[in-house]
Amino acid sequence: MKKTVLILVGIMLVSFGIGFISLIHYGIKFNDNGVGRGINIFSNDASVQIGPGGIFIQDGDDLVNIGPGGIKIHDGSSSINIGPGLSFLFSGKQPGELIEETVNEQEIVDLVDVKIIKITSSFVDVNLIPEKRDDLRIHYNGYIRASDIPKLTVEKTAGTLSISLAQKNSNSNVNSKAKLDLYIPDGYKDAIKASTSSGDITLSDLALTDVSFSASSGDITIAASNIKTLAAKSSSGDIIVQDFSGDFNGKSSSGKIKLHFAQFANNINAAASSGDIEIQLPAVAEFNLNSNTSSGNIAVEFPITVSQNTKNSLSGRVGDSQHTININTSSGNIKIKMSNN
């Protein structure tokens, strides 16, 4: 009860904000229909109506009505009516509300001749877990509350295994605590490509030739893995790589990039917008450095022979190596740290 009220008060404030911002940018109508004056404010699927009957706020399936008869709140699955001296909570299904479902699906797939495992997920976290096995076990599990529950599909064609959690409505509202757990044979050495929308991606303890991850509004986390080429892209999320070995190409928008190399004889290309980049390397690492930041500081713990050093850039050489580290940030700091081990 308290949680519902707090959530809906937040929705109320957000709706007010949307409505008043739209006074400048979006639709606003002043009505005089002979009954009384009022204001209607619209922005996408949110609206605020203010008139003699009170204030009516709608944001998707969430409704708030404040008037002479009291306060009425509906969050899609429950309703609260607060009137003179009375408070009621009505739970139950309402037409057009979100669906609640606990999913628990499993599939076993033979990986013979599979060179690429391709994963696409909407609103569900993806976990890649090594296991001593010969086949791949897929486990889609957990609680979801949504207007459109993501459906699991698995297809194997021409050396590619495609695993998808898709929705008919890409704009579906989702509250997900579900996971897509993939138990991968620890002997699998080929490629994995995964992309998520509003979900995280995690991988650990695997040796692979090629990994490509993309997360929109989600984090990417990789631990204790030897990957020949790792490409990672995150929008509104962090990229964290720990105890890693391999070439790295990464970009983060509104998030940080943090890399820790167990051993290093590789190339790094990293860019962040509105986020820091931190790279930790073994003390014996040698590399050529090119680093630039639009608004931030650059700090290097290694003894570097400087070729260029300005307020927003630092280039130089550490030791004698053909490997290069290229780093660019906008509104973020750059740190290259020396590992103690």
C-alpha atoms as a PDB file:
ATOM      1  CA  MET A   1       0.000   0.000   0.000  1.00  0.00           C
ATOM      2  CA  LYS A   2       2.674   2.506   1.032  1.00  0.00           C
ATOM      3  CA  LYS A   3       4.850   1.468  -1.907  1.00  0.00           C
ATOM      4  CA  THR A   4       1.967   1.913  -4.343  1.00  0.00           C
ATOM      5  CA  VAL A   5       1.156   5.361  -2.985  1.00  0.00           C
ATOM      6  CA  LEU A   6       4.792   6.466  -3.206  1.00  0.00           C
ATOM      7  CA  ILE A   7       5.103   5.196  -6.771  1.00  0.00           C
ATOM      8  CA  LEU A   8       1.942   6.948  -7.851  1.00  0.00           C
ATOM      9  CA  VAL A   9       2.902  10.198  -6.158  1.00  0.00           C
ATOM     10  CA  GLY A  10       6.089  10.016  -8.233  1.00  0.00           C
ATOM     11  CA  ILE A  11       4.022   9.375 -11.349  1.00  0.00           C
ATOM     12  CA  MET A  12       1.893  12.383 -10.432  1.00  0.00           C
ATOM     13  CA  LEU A  13       4.938  14.652 -10.170  1.00  0.00           C
ATOM     14  CA  VAL A  14       6.399  13.337 -13.430  1.00  0.00           C
ATOM     15  CA  SER A  15       3.084  13.878 -15.173  1.00  0.00           C
ATOM     16  CA  PHE A  16       2.878  17.445 -13.846  1.00  0.00           C
ATOM     17  CA  GLY A  17       6.412  18.054 -15.132  1.00  0.00           C
ATOM     18  CA  ILE A  18       5.588  16.641 -18.548  1.00  0.00           C
ATOM     19  CA  GLY A  19       2.455  18.710 -18.687  1.00  0.00           C
ATOM     20  CA  PHE A  20       4.000  22.022 -17.788  1.00  0.00           C
ATOM     21  CA  ILE A  21       7.008  21.522 -20.067  1.00  0.00           C
ATOM     22  CA  SER A  22       4.531  20.975 -22.854  1.00  0.00           C
ATOM     23  CA  LEU A  23       3.115  24.448 -22.153  1.00  0.00           C
ATOM     24  CA  ILE A  24       6.121  25.653 -24.098  1.00  0.00           C
ATOM     25  CA  HIS A  25       6.820  22.858 -26.522  1.00  0.00           C
ATOM     26  CA  TYR A  26       3.693  20.797 -27.055  1.00  0.00           C
ATOM     27  CA  GLY A  27      -0.095  20.932 -27.198  1.00  0.00           C
ATOM     28  CA  ILE A  28      -2.058  23.187 -24.886  1.00  0.00           C
ATOM     29  CA  LYS A  29      -5.735  24.038 -25.237  1.00  0.00           C
ATOM     30  CA  PHE A  30      -7.819  26.553 -23.319  1.00  0.00           C
ATOM     31  CA  ASN A  31     -11.459  25.461 -23.300  1.00  0.00           C
ATOM     32  CA  ASP A  32     -14.648  27.420 -22.747  1.00  0.00           C
ATOM     33  CA  ASN A  33     -17.563  25.163 -23.591  1.00  0.00           C
ATOM     34  CA  GLY A  34     -20.251  27.067 -21.743  1.00  0.00           C
ATOM     35  CA  VAL A  35     -19.841  24.978 -18.616  1.00  0.00           C
ATOM     36  CA  GLY A  36     -16.551  26.364 -17.427  1.00  0.00           C
ATOM     37  CA  ARG A  37     -13.011  27.121 -18.326  1.00  0.00           C
ATOM     38  CA  GLY A  38     -10.174  24.613 -18.370  1.00  0.00           C
ATOM     39  CA  ILE A  39      -6.712  23.735 -19.619  1.00  0.00           C
ATOM     40  CA  ASN A  40      -5.721  20.585 -21.471  1.00  0.00           C
ATOM     41  CA  ILE A  41      -2.011  19.823 -21.795  1.00  0.00           C
ATOM     42  CA  PHE A  42      -0.750  16.969 -23.953  1.00  0.00           C
ATOM     43  CA  SER A  43       2.664  15.318 -24.484  1.00  0.00           C
ATOM     44  CA  ASN A  44       2.842  11.942 -26.246  1.00  0.00           C
ATOM     45  CA  ASP A  45       0.646   9.566 -24.170  1.00  0.00           C
ATOM     46  CA  ALA A  46       0.664  11.806 -21.073  1.00  0.00           C
ATOM     47  CA  SER A  47      -1.940  14.484 -20.400  1.00  0.00           C
ATOM     48  CA  VAL A  48      -2.978  16.937 -17.705  1.00  0.00           C
ATOM     49  CA  GLN A  49      -6.471  18.405 -17.625  1.00  0.00           C
ATOM     50  CA  ILE A  50      -7.259  21.230 -15.211  1.00  0.00           C
ATOM     51  CA  GLY A  51     -10.797  22.535 -14.857  1.00  0.00           C
ATOM     52  CA  PRO A  52     -13.701  23.194 -12.516  1.00  0.00           C
ATOM     53  CA  GLY A  53     -14.016  19.466 -11.819  1.00  0.00           C
ATOM     54  CA  GLY A  54     -10.454  19.266 -10.548  1.00  0.00           C
ATOM     55  CA  ILE A  55      -7.181  17.905 -11.935  1.00  0.00           C
ATOM     56  CA  PHE A  56      -6.987  14.780 -14.093  1.00  0.00           C
ATOM     57  CA  ILE A  57      -3.556  13.289 -14.879  1.00  0.00           C
ATOM     58  CA  GLN A  58      -2.928  10.327 -17.191  1.00  0.00           C
ATOM     59  CA  ASP A  59       0.418   8.741 -18.051  1.00  0.00           C
ATOM     60  CA  GLY A  60      -0.143   5.525 -20.020  1.00  0.00           C
ATOM     61  CA  ASP A  61      -2.217   3.193 -17.823  1.00  0.00           C
ATOM     62  CA  ASP A  62      -1.602   5.277 -14.680  1.00  0.00           C
ATOM     63  CA  LEU A  63      -4.368   7.687 -13.696  1.00  0.00           C
ATOM     64  CA  VAL A  64      -4.714  10.313 -10.956  1.00  0.00           C
ATOM     65  CA  ASN A  65      -7.901  12.353 -10.435  1.00  0.00           C
ATOM     66  CA  ILE A  66      -7.993  15.071  -7.783  1.00  0.00           C
ATOM     67  CA  GLY A  67     -11.324  16.805  -7.315  1.00  0.00           C
ATOM     68  CA  PRO A  68     -14.090  17.779  -4.906  1.00  0.00           C
ATOM     69  CA  GLY A  69     -14.979  14.116  -4.397  1.00  0.00           C
ATOM     70  CA  GLY A  70     -11.486  13.222  -3.238  1.00  0.00           C
ATOM     71  CA  ILE A  71      -8.467  11.552  -4.817  1.00  0.00           C
ATOM     72  CA  LYS A  72      -8.642   8.567  -7.148  1.00  0.00           C
ATOM     73  CA  ILE A  73      -5.467   6.707  -8.182  1.00  0.00           C
ATOM     74  CA  HIS A  74      -5.193   3.784 -10.598  1.00  0.00           C
ATOM     75  CA  ASP A  75      -1.852   2.132 -11.435  1.00  0.00           C
ATOM     76  CA  GLY A  76      -3.027  -0.550 -13.880  1.00  0.00           C
ATOM     77  CA  SER A  77      -3.377  -3.373 -11.332  1.00  0.00           C
ATOM     78  CA  SER A  78      -4.929  -1.623  -8.337  1.00  0.00           C
ATOM     79  CA  SER A  79      -7.002   1.417  -7.444  1.00  0.00           C
ATOM     80  CA  ILE A  80      -7.079   3.707  -4.436  1.00  0.00           C
ATOM     81  CA  ASN A  81     -10.052   6.005  -3.714  1.00  0.00           C
ATOM     82  CA  ILE A  82      -9.574   8.573  -0.971  1.00  0.00           C
ATOM     83  CA  GLY A  83     -12.717  10.507  -0.087  1.00  0.00           C
ATOM     84  CA  PRO A  84     -14.148  12.305   2.930  1.00  0.00           C
ATOM     85  CA  GLY A  85     -13.072  10.110   5.828  1.00  0.00           C
ATOM     86  CA  LEU A  86     -12.659   6.998   3.690  1.00  0.00           C
ATOM     87  CA  SER A  87      -9.763   5.129   2.035  1.00  0.00           C
ATOM     88  CA  PHE A  88     -10.223   2.019  -0.089  1.00  0.00           C
ATOM     89  CA  LEU A  89      -7.858  -0.291  -1.940  1.00  0.00           C
ATOM     90  CA  PHE A  90      -9.319  -2.330  -4.773  1.00  0.00           C
ATOM     91  CA  SER A  91      -7.102  -4.989  -6.306  1.00  0.00           C
ATOM     92  CA  GLY A  92      -7.934  -6.979  -9.372  1.00  0.00           C
ATOM     93  CA  LYS A  93      -7.705  -7.066 -13.120  1.00  0.00           C
ATOM     94  CA  GLN A  94      -8.823  -4.067 -15.111  1.00  0.00           C
ATOM     95  CA  PRO A  95      -9.411  -3.890 -18.880  1.00  0.00           C
ATOM     96  CA  GLY A  96      -6.234  -3.011 -20.798  1.00  0.00           C
ATOM     97  CA  GLU A  97      -3.914  -3.397 -17.813  1.00  0.00           C
ATOM     98  CA  LEU A  98      -0.437  -4.897 -17.812  1.00  0.00           C
ATOM     99  CA  ILE A  99       0.017  -8.660 -17.801  1.00  0.00           C
ATOM    100  CA  GLU A 100       1.871 -10.373 -14.952  1.00  0.00           C
ATOM    101  CA  GLU A 101       3.662 -13.611 -15.692  1.00  0.00           C
ATOM    102  CA  THR A 102       6.330 -15.821 -14.144  1.00  0.00           C
ATOM    103  CA  VAL A 103       8.239 -17.393 -17.024  1.00  0.00           C
ATOM    104  CA  ASN A 104      10.194 -20.645 -16.797  1.00  0.00           C
ATOM    105  CA  GLU A 105      11.222 -21.982 -20.210  1.00  0.00           C
ATOM    106  CA  GLN A 106      14.177 -24.243 -21.017  1.00  0.00           C
ATOM    107  CA  GLU A 107      15.680 -25.492 -24.258  1.00  0.00           C
ATOM    108  CA  ILE A 108      18.720 -27.647 -25.014  1.00  0.00           C
ATOM    109  CA  VAL A 109      20.540 -26.969 -28.302  1.00  0.00           C
ATOM    110  CA  ASP A 110      23.292 -28.955 -30.009  1.00  0.00           C
ATOM    111  CA  LEU A 111      26.230 -26.678 -30.946  1.00  0.00           C
ATOM    112  CA  VAL A 112      27.693 -28.935 -33.630  1.00  0.00           C
ATOM    113  CA  ASP A 113      28.783 -26.719 -36.582  1.00  0.00           C
ATOM    114  CA  VAL A 114      27.685 -23.560 -34.733  1.00  0.00           C
ATOM    115  CA  LYS A 115      30.242 -20.780 -35.230  1.00  0.00           C
ATOM    116  CA  ILE A 116      28.161 -17.831 -34.024  1.00  0.00           C
ATOM    117  CA  ILE A 117      25.733 -17.600 -31.106  1.00  0.00           C
ATOM    118  CA  LYS A 118      23.520 -14.565 -31.677  1.00  0.00           C
ATOM    119  CA  ILE A 119      21.313 -13.238 -28.851  1.00  0.00           C
ATOM    120  CA  THR A 120      18.678 -10.491 -28.935  1.00  0.00           C
ATOM    121  CA  SER A 121      16.727  -9.504 -25.834  1.00  0.00           C
ATOM    122  CA  SER A 122      14.112  -6.914 -24.894  1.00  0.00           C
ATOM    123  CA  PHE A 123      13.947  -5.822 -21.227  1.00  0.00           C
ATOM    124  CA  VAL A 124      15.545  -9.053 -19.985  1.00  0.00           C
ATOM    125  CA  ASP A 125      19.108  -9.430 -18.671  1.00  0.00           C
ATOM    126  CA  VAL A 126      21.392 -11.848 -20.531  1.00  0.00           C
ATOM    127  CA  ASN A 127      23.848 -13.983 -18.530  1.00  0.00           C
ATOM    128  CA  LEU A 128      26.462 -16.114 -20.318  1.00  0.00           C
ATOM    129  CA  ILE A 129      27.610 -18.826 -17.927  1.00  0.00           C
ATOM    130  CA  PRO A 130      30.316 -21.433 -18.658  1.00  0.00           C
ATOM    131  CA  GLU A 131      29.544 -25.018 -17.756  1.00  0.00           C
ATOM    132  CA  LYS A 132      31.154 -28.407 -18.315  1.00  0.00           C
ATOM    133  CA  ARG A 133      28.745 -29.676 -20.965  1.00  0.00           C
ATOM    134  CA  ASP A 134      28.611 -30.422 -24.692  1.00  0.00           C
ATOM    135  CA  ASP A 135      25.356 -28.671 -25.582  1.00  0.00           C
ATOM    136  CA  LEU A 136      23.854 -25.258 -24.795  1.00  0.00           C
ATOM    137  CA  ARG A 137      21.148 -24.917 -22.139  1.00  0.00           C
ATOM    138  CA  ILE A 138      18.818 -21.932 -22.433  1.00  0.00           C
ATOM    139  CA  HIS A 139      16.830 -20.915 -19.348  1.00  0.00           C
ATOM    140  CA  TYR A 140      14.375 -18.018 -19.622  1.00  0.00           C
ATOM    141  CA  ASN A 141      13.093 -17.433 -16.101  1.00  0.00           C
ATOM    142  CA  GLY A 142      11.675 -14.887 -13.671  1.00  0.00           C
ATOM    143  CA  TYR A 143       8.855 -12.394 -13.177  1.00  0.00           C
ATOM    144  CA  ILE A 144       7.631  -9.964 -15.842  1.00  0.00           C
ATOM    145  CA  ARG A 145       4.880  -7.362 -15.730  1.00  0.00           C
ATOM    146  CA  ALA A 146       4.237  -5.963 -19.191  1.00  0.00           C
ATOM    147  CA  SER A 147       1.629  -5.166 -21.813  1.00  0.00           C
ATOM    148  CA  ASP A 148       3.485  -7.602 -24.098  1.00  0.00           C
ATOM    149  CA  ILE A 149       5.503 -10.489 -22.613  1.00  0.00           C
ATOM    150  CA  PRO A 150       8.760 -11.159 -24.554  1.00  0.00           C
ATOM    151  CA  LYS A 151       8.621 -14.535 -26.302  1.00  0.00           C
ATOM    152  CA  LEU A 152      11.569 -16.913 -26.600  1.00  0.00           C
ATOM    153  CA  THR A 153      12.478 -18.162 -30.074  1.00  0.00           C
ATOM    154  CA  VAL A 154      15.453 -20.344 -31.023  1.00  0.00           C
ATOM    155  CA  GLU A 155      16.599 -20.976 -34.599  1.00  0.00           C
ATOM    156  CA  LYS A 156      19.677 -22.700 -35.998  1.00  0.00           C
ATOM    157  CA  THR A 157      20.707 -21.981 -39.600  1.00  0.00           C
ATOM    158  CA  ALA A 158      23.980 -22.007 -41.579  1.00  0.00           C
ATOM    159  CA  GLY A 159      26.336 -22.131 -38.617  1.00  0.00           C
ATOM    160  CA  THR A 160      24.456 -19.467 -36.630  1.00  0.00           C
ATOM    161  CA  LEU A 161      22.336 -20.123 -33.558  1.00  0.00           C
ATOM    162  CA  SER A 162      19.843 -17.267 -33.060  1.00  0.00           C
ATOM    163  CA  ILE A 163      18.210 -16.811 -29.646  1.00  0.00           C
ATOM    164  CA  SER A 164      15.634 -14.059 -29.369  1.00  0.00           C
ATOM    165  CA  LEU A 165      13.334 -12.551 -26.756  1.00  0.00           C
ATOM    166  CA  ALA A 166      11.076 -10.341 -28.844  1.00  0.00           C
ATOM    167  CA  GLN A 167       7.841  -8.405 -28.411  1.00  0.00           C
ATOM    168  CA  LYS A 168       5.087  -7.632 -30.891  1.00  0.00           C
ATOM    169  CA  ASN A 169       4.943  -4.081 -29.559  1.00  0.00           C
ATOM    170  CA  SER A 170       8.393  -2.484 -29.347  1.00  0.00           C
ATOM    171  CA  ASN A 171       6.961   0.324 -27.179  1.00  0.00           C
ATOM    172  CA  SER A 172       5.570  -2.089 -24.598  1.00  0.00           C
ATOM    173  CA  ASN A 173       5.825  -1.013 -20.964  1.00  0.00           C
ATOM    174  CA  VAL A 174       7.830  -3.612 -19.031  1.00  0.00           C
ATOM    175  CA  ASN A 175       8.786  -4.211 -15.407  1.00  0.00           C
ATOM    176  CA  SER A 176      11.137  -7.172 -15.630  1.00  0.00           C
ATOM    177  CA  LYS A 177      12.961  -9.253 -13.067  1.00  0.00           C
ATOM    178  CA  ALA A 178      13.458 -12.035 -15.576  1.00  0.00           C
ATOM    179  CA  LYS A 179      16.760 -13.435 -16.866  1.00  0.00           C
ATOM    180  CA  LEU A 180      17.944 -15.197 -19.960  1.00  0.00           C
ATOM    181  CA  ASP A 181      20.593 -17.580 -18.612  1.00  0.00           C
ATOM    182  CA  LEU A 182      22.703 -19.321 -21.258  1.00  0.00           C
ATOM    183  CA  TYR A 183      24.837 -22.199 -19.998  1.00  0.00           C
ATOM    184  CA  ILE A 184      27.602 -22.415 -22.599  1.00  0.00           C
ATOM    185  CA  PRO A 185      30.054 -25.320 -22.954  1.00  0.00           C
ATOM    186  CA  ASP A 186      33.408 -24.219 -21.561  1.00  0.00           C
ATOM    187  CA  GLY A 187      34.980 -25.742 -24.672  1.00  0.00           C
ATOM    188  CA  TYR A 188      33.108 -23.443 -27.058  1.00  0.00           C
ATOM    189  CA  LYS A 189      35.704 -21.122 -28.642  1.00  0.00           C
ATOM    190  CA  ASP A 190      33.925 -19.292 -31.436  1.00  0.00           C
ATOM    191  CA  ALA A 191      31.841 -16.087 -31.596  1.00  0.00           C
ATOM    192  CA  ILE A 192      29.068 -14.664 -29.428  1.00  0.00           C
ATOM    193  CA  LYS A 193      27.055 -11.587 -30.378  1.00  0.00           C
ATOM    194  CA  ALA A 194      24.440 -10.157 -28.020  1.00  0.00           C
ATOM    195  CA  SER A 195      22.258  -7.064 -27.957  1.00  0.00           C
ATOM    196  CA  THR A 196      19.770  -5.912 -25.331  1.00  0.00           C
ATOM    197  CA  SER A 197      17.224  -3.144 -24.942  1.00  0.00           C
ATOM    198  CA  SER A 198      16.873  -2.048 -21.304  1.00  0.00           C
ATOM    199  CA  GLY A 199      18.823  -5.076 -20.101  1.00  0.00           C
ATOM    200  CA  ASP A 200      22.312  -5.977 -18.856  1.00  0.00           C
ATOM    201  CA  ILE A 201      24.796  -8.420 -20.405  1.00  0.00           C
ATOM    202  CA  THR A 202      27.256 -10.448 -18.331  1.00  0.00           C
ATOM    203  CA  LEU A 203      29.932 -12.949 -19.365  1.00  0.00           C
ATOM    204  CA  SER A 204      32.657 -14.697 -17.372  1.00  0.00           C
ATOM    205  CA  ASP A 205      35.346 -17.372 -17.613  1.00  0.00           C
ATOM    206  CA  LEU A 206      35.194 -18.025 -21.349  1.00  0.00           C
ATOM    207  CA  ALA A 207      37.882 -18.096 -24.041  1.00  0.00           C
ATOM    208  CA  LEU A 208      36.416 -16.914 -27.351  1.00  0.00           C
ATOM    209  CA  THR A 209      37.615 -15.658 -30.716  1.00  0.00           C
ATOM    210  CA  ASP A 210      35.081 -12.863 -31.193  1.00  0.00           C
ATOM    211  CA  VAL A 211      32.602 -11.140 -28.872  1.00  0.00           C
ATOM    212  CA  SER A 212      30.300  -8.256 -29.798  1.00  0.00           C
ATOM    213  CA  PHE A 213      27.949  -6.803 -27.173  1.00  0.00           C
ATOM    214  CA  SER A 214      25.515  -3.893 -27.453  1.00  0.00           C
ATOM    215  CA  ALA A 215      23.304  -2.669 -24.601  1.00  0.00           C
ATOM    216  CA  SER A 216      20.770   0.144 -24.714  1.00  0.00           C
ATOM    217  CA  SER A 217      19.999   1.411 -21.196  1.00  0.00           C
ATOM    218  CA  GLY A 218      22.006  -1.431 -19.691  1.00  0.00           C
ATOM    219  CA  ASP A 219      25.455  -2.402 -18.404  1.00  0.00           C
ATOM    220  CA  ILE A 220      27.994  -4.752 -19.959  1.00  0.00           C
ATOM    221  CA  THR A 221      30.127  -6.767 -17.520  1.00  0.00           C
ATOM    222  CA  ILE A 222      32.869  -9.229 -18.503  1.00  0.00           C
ATOM    223  CA  ALA A 223      35.143 -11.083 -16.085  1.00  0.00           C
ATOM    224  CA  ALA A 224      38.078 -13.490 -16.276  1.00  0.00           C
ATOM    225  CA  SER A 225      37.849 -14.049 -20.017  1.00  0.00           C
ATOM    226  CA  ASN A 226      40.373 -14.421 -22.822  1.00  0.00           C
ATOM    227  CA  ILE A 227      38.811 -12.965 -25.964  1.00  0.00           C
ATOM    228  CA  LYS A 228      40.747 -12.362 -29.147  1.00  0.00           C
ATOM    229  CA  THR A 229      38.549  -9.401 -30.153  1.00  0.00           C
ATOM    230  CA  LEU A 230      35.986  -7.760 -27.872  1.00  0.00           C
ATOM    231  CA  ALA A 231      33.626  -5.057 -29.134  1.00  0.00           C
ATOM    232  CA  ALA A 232      31.297  -3.432 -26.610  1.00  0.00           C
ATOM    233  CA  LYS A 233      28.822  -0.586 -27.006  1.00  0.00           C
ATOM    234  CA  SER A 234      26.570   0.782 -24.290  1.00  0.00           C
ATOM    235  CA  SER A 235      24.023   3.596 -24.291  1.00  0.00           C
ATOM    236  CA  SER A 236      23.139   4.914 -20.819  1.00  0.00           C
ATOM    237  CA  GLY A 237      25.167   2.167 -19.183  1.00  0.00           C
ATOM    238  CA  ASP A 238      28.659   1.172 -18.044  1.00  0.00           C
ATOM    239  CA  ILE A 239      31.177  -1.215 -19.592  1.00  0.00           C
ATOM    240  CA  ILE A 240      33.173  -3.105 -16.950  1.00  0.00           C
ATOM    241  CA  VAL A 241      35.841  -5.645 -17.987  1.00  0.00           C
ATOM    242  CA  GLN A 242      37.863  -7.446 -15.302  1.00  0.00           C
ATOM    243  CA  ASP A 243      40.842  -9.849 -15.554  1.00  0.00           C
ATOM    244  CA  PHE A 244      40.765  -9.634 -19.325  1.00  0.00           C
ATOM    245  CA  SER A 245      43.126 -10.439 -22.169  1.00  0.00           C
ATOM    246  CA  GLY A 246      42.505  -9.445 -25.791  1.00  0.00           C
ATOM    247  CA  ASP A 247      41.920  -6.500 -28.132  1.00  0.00           C
ATOM    248  CA  PHE A 248      39.204  -4.081 -27.022  1.00  0.00           C
ATOM    249  CA  ASN A 249      36.968  -1.741 -29.025  1.00  0.00           C
ATOM    250  CA  GLY A 250      34.387   0.028 -26.912  1.00  0.00           C
ATOM    251  CA  LYS A 251      32.079   3.013 -26.792  1.00  0.00           C
ATOM    252  CA  SER A 252      29.852   4.235 -23.986  1.00  0.00           C
ATOM    253  CA  SER A 253      27.273   7.004 -24.094  1.00  0.00           C
ATOM    254  CA  SER A 254      26.364   8.401 -20.662  1.00  0.00           C
ATOM    255  CA  GLY A 255      28.403   5.735 -18.905  1.00  0.00           C
ATOM    256  CA  LYS A 256      31.925   4.819 -17.857  1.00  0.00           C
ATOM    257  CA  ILE A 257      34.388   2.313 -19.290  1.00  0.00           C
ATOM    258  CA  LYS A 258      36.572   0.426 -16.814  1.00  0.00           C
ATOM    259  CA  LEU A 259      39.104  -2.131 -18.069  1.00  0.00           C
ATOM    260  CA  HIS A 260      41.436  -4.366 -16.077  1.00  0.00           C
ATOM    261  CA  PHE A 261      43.902  -6.514 -18.014  1.00  0.00           C
ATOM    262  CA  ALA A 262      45.360  -9.636 -16.415  1.00  0.00           C
ATOM    263  CA  GLN A 263      48.051  -9.528 -19.131  1.00  0.00           C
ATOM    264  CA  PHE A 264      48.548  -7.045 -21.926  1.00  0.00           C
ATOM    265  CA  ALA A 265      49.948  -7.231 -25.443  1.00  0.00           C
ATOM    266  CA  ASN A 266      46.969  -5.800 -27.245  1.00  0.00           C
ATOM    267  CA  ASN A 267      45.300  -2.778 -28.832  1.00  0.00           C
ATOM    268  CA  ILE A 268      42.634  -0.653 -27.153  1.00  0.00           C
ATOM    269  CA  ASN A 269      40.201   1.775 -28.766  1.00  0.00           C
ATOM    270  CA  ALA A 270      37.845   3.346 -26.234  1.00  0.00           C
ATOM    271  CA  ALA A 271      35.493   6.337 -26.378  1.00  0.00           C
ATOM    272  CA  ALA A 272      33.054   7.702 -23.811  1.00  0.00           C
ATOM    273  CA  SER A 273      30.518  10.499 -23.900  1.00  0.00           C
ATOM    274  CA  SER A 274      29.688  11.900 -20.461  1.00  0.00           C
ATOM    275  CA  GLY A 275      31.740   9.251 -18.691  1.00  0.00           C
ATOM    276  CA  ASP A 276      35.212   8.360 -17.413  1.00  0.00           C
ATOM    277  CA  ILE A 277      37.595   5.809 -18.900  1.00  0.00           C
ATOM    278  CA  GLU A 278      39.889   3.886 -16.564  1.00  0.00           C
ATOM    279  CA  ILE A 279      42.382   1.275 -17.780  1.00  0.00           C
ATOM    280  CA  GLN A 280      44.460  -0.842 -15.412  1.00  0.00           C
ATOM    281  CA  LEU A 281      47.466  -2.670 -16.904  1.00  0.00           C
ATOM    282  CA  PRO A 282      50.222  -4.930 -15.560  1.00  0.00           C
ATOM    283  CA  ALA A 283      53.344  -3.036 -14.490  1.00  0.00           C
ATOM    284  CA  VAL A 284      55.341  -4.614 -17.358  1.00  0.00           C
ATOM    285  CA  ALA A 285      52.915  -3.401 -20.045  1.00  0.00           C
ATOM    286  CA  GLU A 286      54.332  -1.467 -23.011  1.00  0.00           C
ATOM    287  CA  PHE A 287      52.220   0.594 -25.403  1.00  0.00           C
ATOM    288  CA  ASN A 288      51.828   3.715 -27.519  1.00  0.00           C
ATOM    289  CA  LEU A 289      49.255   6.173 -26.169  1.00  0.00           C
ATOM    290  CA  ASN A 290      46.969   8.670 -27.867  1.00  0.00           C
ATOM    291  CA  SER A 291      44.467  10.267 -25.482  1.00  0.00           C
ATOM    292  CA  ASN A 292      42.086  13.219 -25.780  1.00  0.00           C
ATOM    293  CA  THR A 293      39.351  14.699 -23.623  1.00  0.00           C
ATOM    294  CA  SER A 294      37.034  17.635 -24.318  1.00  0.00           C
ATOM    295  CA  SER A 295      36.401  18.368 -20.659  1.00  0.00           C
ATOM    296  CA  GLY A 296      38.348  16.285 -18.168  1.00  0.00           C
ATOM    297  CA  ASN A 297      41.759  15.292 -16.818  1.00  0.00           C
ATOM    298  CA  ILE A 298      44.305  12.775 -18.118  1.00  0.00           C
ATOM    299  CA  ALA A 299      46.455  10.809 -15.655  1.00  0.00           C
ATOM    300  CA  VAL A 300      49.013   8.105 -16.515  1.00  0.00           C
ATOM    301  CA  GLU A 301      50.869   6.162 -13.811  1.00  0.00           C
ATOM    302  CA  PHE A 302      53.402   4.622 -16.238  1.00  0.00           C
ATOM    303  CA  PRO A 303      56.724   6.287 -17.096  1.00  0.00           C
ATOM    304  CA  ILE A 304      55.809   7.759 -20.470  1.00  0.00           C
ATOM    305  CA  THR A 305      58.017   9.381 -23.089  1.00  0.00           C
ATOM    306  CA  VAL A 306      55.799  12.297 -24.086  1.00  0.00           C
ATOM    307  CA  SER A 307      55.438  13.345 -27.716  1.00  0.00           C
ATOM    308  CA  GLN A 308      52.521  15.721 -27.157  1.00  0.00           C
ATOM    309  CA  ASN A 309      51.052  17.168 -23.971  1.00  0.00           C
ATOM    310  CA  THR A 310      48.354  19.857 -23.949  1.00  0.00           C
ATOM    311  CA  LYS A 311      45.479  20.762 -21.652  1.00  0.00           C
ATOM    312  CA  ASN A 312      43.159  18.228 -23.300  1.00  0.00           C
ATOM    313  CA  SER A 313      45.475  15.643 -24.859  1.00  0.00           C
ATOM    314  CA  LEU A 314      48.446  13.431 -24.064  1.00  0.00           C
ATOM    315  CA  SER A 315      50.422  11.260 -26.491  1.00  0.00           C
ATOM    316  CA  GLY A 316      53.571   9.253 -25.951  1.00  0.00           C
ATOM    317  CA  ARG A 317      55.246   5.890 -25.620  1.00  0.00           C
ATOM    318  CA  VAL A 318      55.748   3.458 -22.754  1.00  0.00           C
ATOM    319  CA  GLY A 319      58.538   0.996 -23.489  1.00  0.00           C
ATOM    320  CA  ASP A 320      58.949  -0.376 -26.994  1.00  0.00           C
ATOM    321  CA  SER A 321      55.769  -1.829 -28.436  1.00  0.00           C
ATOM    322  CA  GLN A 322      53.682  -1.904 -31.599  1.00  0.00           C
ATOM    323  CA  HIS A 323      50.466  -1.981 -29.584  1.00  0.00           C
ATOM    324  CA  THR A 324      48.417   1.202 -29.302  1.00  0.00           C
ATOM    325  CA  ILE A 325      45.904   2.623 -26.837  1.00  0.00           C
ATOM    326  CA  ASN A 326      43.539   5.233 -28.298  1.00  0.00           C
ATOM    327  CA  ILE A 327      41.213   6.974 -25.833  1.00  0.00           C
ATOM    328  CA  ASN A 328      38.703   9.781 -26.334  1.00  0.00           C
ATOM    329  CA  THR A 329      36.257  11.223 -23.828  1.00  0.00           C
ATOM    330  CA  SER A 330      33.738  14.024 -23.796  1.00  0.00           C
ATOM    331  CA  SER A 331      33.035  15.368 -20.306  1.00  0.00           C
ATOM    332  CA  GLY A 332      35.054  12.605 -18.661  1.00  0.00           C
ATOM    333  CA  ASN A 333      38.434  11.818 -17.108  1.00  0.00           C
ATOM    334  CA  ILE A 334      41.055   9.405 -18.441  1.00  0.00           C
ATOM    335  CA  LYS A 335      43.153   7.250 -16.098  1.00  0.00           C
ATOM    336  CA  ILE A 336      45.754   4.625 -17.003  1.00  0.00           C
ATOM    337  CA  LYS A 337      46.737   2.833 -13.832  1.00  0.00           C
ATOM    338  CA  MET A 338      49.499   0.373 -13.010  1.00  0.00           C
ATOM    339  CA  SER A 339      48.373  -2.917 -11.515  1.00  0.00           C
ATOM    340  CA  ASN A 340      50.163  -4.200  -8.413  1.00  0.00           C
ATOM    341  CA  ASN A 341      50.197  -7.792  -9.637  1.00  0.00           C
END
